[in-house]
């Protein structure tokens, strides 16, 4: 998987990953893909791709930064069922924090998600892993 991403990223930087250019638009003037709240989905997707590429390059601090931006954006998106985006960003963030050895931060991330989505199995599993890695 990592090699497929790297070969697709012809303009990769020195760390071995590429940061995607962000689309530009003015509020109230977007149409098509960029209209109707879809700007946030494009931006959120870009943060997740950046985070995935950073993770593949073992640049966990960049991945966490991108995922934090994505989680903040997702927190401010309008509520809808089903959610507008298929992958909850905090689940990814918590997993990357665990991979980076930042277990206490991962615990906080999963607890925050559980406040919004009680009994979410993925957050409960992530919290269990974070607590176990801390010997709690």
Protein backbone atom coordinates (compact mmCIF):
# COMPACT_ATOMS: atom_id res chain seq x y z
CA UNK A 1 0.00 0.00 0.00
CA UNK A 2 2.78 2.42 0.90
CA UNK A 3 4.54 1.84 -2.41
CA UNK A 4 1.34 2.44 -4.38
CA UNK A 5 0.86 5.77 -2.64
CA UNK A 6 4.49 6.76 -3.16
CA UNK A 7 4.48 5.93 -6.85
CA UNK A 8 1.25 7.90 -7.31
CA UNK A 9 2.77 10.93 -5.61
CA UNK A 10 5.17 12.09 -8.32
CA UNK A 11 5.77 15.40 -6.56
CA UNK A 12 6.61 13.93 -3.17
CA UNK A 13 8.71 16.05 -0.84
CA UNK A 14 11.85 15.00 1.05
CA UNK A 15 9.87 13.10 3.68
CA UNK A 16 8.38 10.89 0.97
CA UNK A 17 4.85 12.22 0.96
CA UNK A 18 2.90 14.88 -0.84
CA UNK A 19 0.61 17.53 0.54
CA UNK A 20 -2.36 17.98 -1.74
CA UNK A 21 -3.20 21.49 -2.94
CA UNK A 22 -6.32 22.87 -1.34
CA UNK A 23 -9.13 24.03 -3.62
CA UNK A 24 -10.07 27.67 -3.28
CA UNK A 25 -13.58 29.11 -3.28
CA UNK A 26 -15.60 31.96 -1.87
CA UNK A 27 -18.48 31.26 0.47
CA UNK A 28 -21.83 31.47 -1.29
CA UNK A 29 -20.29 31.27 -4.75
CA UNK A 30 -19.54 27.58 -5.02
CA UNK A 31 -21.41 25.26 -7.36
CA UNK A 32 -21.36 21.57 -8.15
CA UNK A 33 -18.93 19.57 -6.01
CA UNK A 34 -17.99 22.66 -4.02
CA UNK A 35 -21.56 23.72 -3.24
CA UNK A 36 -23.98 22.72 -0.50
CA UNK A 37 -21.44 22.05 2.25
CA UNK A 38 -19.29 19.84 0.08
CA UNK A 39 -16.37 22.23 0.49
CA UNK A 40 -15.96 20.85 4.01
CA UNK A 41 -15.96 17.28 2.69
CA UNK A 42 -13.24 18.11 0.16
CA UNK A 43 -11.17 19.78 2.88
CA UNK A 44 -11.73 16.92 5.32
CA UNK A 45 -10.75 14.36 2.67
CA UNK A 46 -7.58 16.32 1.95
CA UNK A 47 -6.62 16.26 5.64
CA UNK A 48 -7.18 12.50 5.80
CA UNK A 49 -5.09 11.87 2.68
CA UNK A 50 -2.30 14.09 4.04
CA UNK A 51 -2.42 12.17 7.32
CA UNK A 52 -2.30 8.79 5.59
CA UNK A 53 0.68 9.78 3.49
CA UNK A 54 2.46 11.20 6.54
CA UNK A 55 1.78 7.99 8.48
CA UNK A 56 3.21 5.88 5.66
CA UNK A 57 6.34 8.04 5.86
CA UNK A 58 6.43 7.51 9.66
CA UNK A 59 5.91 11.24 10.17
CA UNK A 60 3.41 10.84 13.00
CA UNK A 61 3.57 14.47 14.13
CA UNK A 62 2.45 15.64 10.67
CA UNK A 63 -0.25 12.96 10.60
CA UNK A 64 -1.57 14.03 14.02
CA UNK A 65 -1.56 17.67 12.93
CA UNK A 66 -3.57 16.87 9.78
CA UNK A 67 -6.01 14.67 11.69
CA UNK A 68 -6.52 17.33 14.37
CA UNK A 69 -7.41 19.81 11.63
CA UNK A 70 -9.79 17.27 10.12
CA UNK A 71 -11.39 16.46 13.48
CA UNK A 72 -11.95 20.15 14.21
CA UNK A 73 -13.54 20.56 10.79
CA UNK A 74 -15.71 17.48 11.29
CA UNK A 75 -16.83 18.75 14.72
CA UNK A 76 -18.19 21.89 13.06
CA UNK A 77 -20.00 20.18 10.19
CA UNK A 78 -23.78 20.17 10.24
CA UNK A 79 -25.41 17.13 11.82
CA UNK A 80 -26.94 14.60 9.48
CA UNK A 81 -27.83 10.92 9.46
CA UNK A 82 -26.01 9.14 8.13
CA UNK A 83 -22.96 11.34 8.71
CA UNK A 84 -21.71 13.20 5.65
CA UNK A 85 -18.31 11.53 5.86
CA UNK A 86 -17.96 7.75 6.08
CA UNK A 87 -14.85 7.59 8.31
CA UNK A 88 -14.90 9.30 11.72
CA UNK A 89 -11.70 11.32 11.92
CA UNK A 90 -11.22 10.81 15.65
CA UNK A 91 -10.97 7.03 15.15
CA UNK A 92 -8.07 7.62 12.76
CA UNK A 93 -6.51 10.20 15.08
CA UNK A 94 -6.68 7.87 18.07
CA UNK A 95 -5.11 5.03 16.09
CA UNK A 96 -2.25 7.23 14.85
CA UNK A 97 -1.66 8.48 18.40
CA UNK A 98 -1.44 4.86 19.57
CA UNK A 99 1.01 4.05 16.76
CA UNK A 100 3.10 7.06 17.76
CA UNK A 101 3.25 5.88 21.38
CA UNK A 102 1.14 8.80 22.57
CA UNK A 103 -1.20 6.60 24.61
CA UNK A 104 -2.55 9.24 27.01
CA UNK A 105 -3.50 11.51 24.10
CA UNK A 106 -5.16 8.55 22.37
CA UNK A 107 -7.16 7.88 25.54
CA UNK A 108 -8.35 11.51 25.57
CA UNK A 109 -9.23 11.33 21.87
CA UNK A 110 -11.38 8.22 22.27
CA UNK A 111 -13.04 9.60 25.41
CA UNK A 112 -13.93 12.78 23.54
CA UNK A 113 -15.49 10.74 20.74
CA UNK A 114 -17.47 8.69 23.27
CA UNK A 115 -18.98 11.87 24.72
CA UNK A 116 -20.53 12.59 21.32
CA UNK A 117 -21.18 8.98 20.28
CA UNK A 118 -21.73 6.92 23.46
CA UNK A 119 -21.16 3.19 23.15
CA UNK A 120 -19.41 3.52 19.79
CA UNK A 121 -17.65 0.18 19.40
CA UNK A 122 -14.59 1.57 17.60
CA UNK A 123 -14.00 4.23 20.24
CA UNK A 124 -14.55 1.71 23.04
CA UNK A 125 -12.02 -0.63 21.41
CA UNK A 126 -9.53 2.22 20.93
CA UNK A 127 -10.00 3.36 24.52
CA UNK A 128 -9.43 -0.21 25.71
CA UNK A 129 -6.17 -0.38 23.74
CA UNK A 130 -5.01 3.02 25.03
CA UNK A 131 -5.74 2.09 28.64
CA UNK A 132 -4.08 -1.30 28.25
CA UNK A 133 -0.92 0.25 26.83
CA UNK A 134 -0.80 2.55 29.86
CA UNK A 135 -1.24 -0.38 32.24
CA UNK A 136 -4.61 0.90 33.44
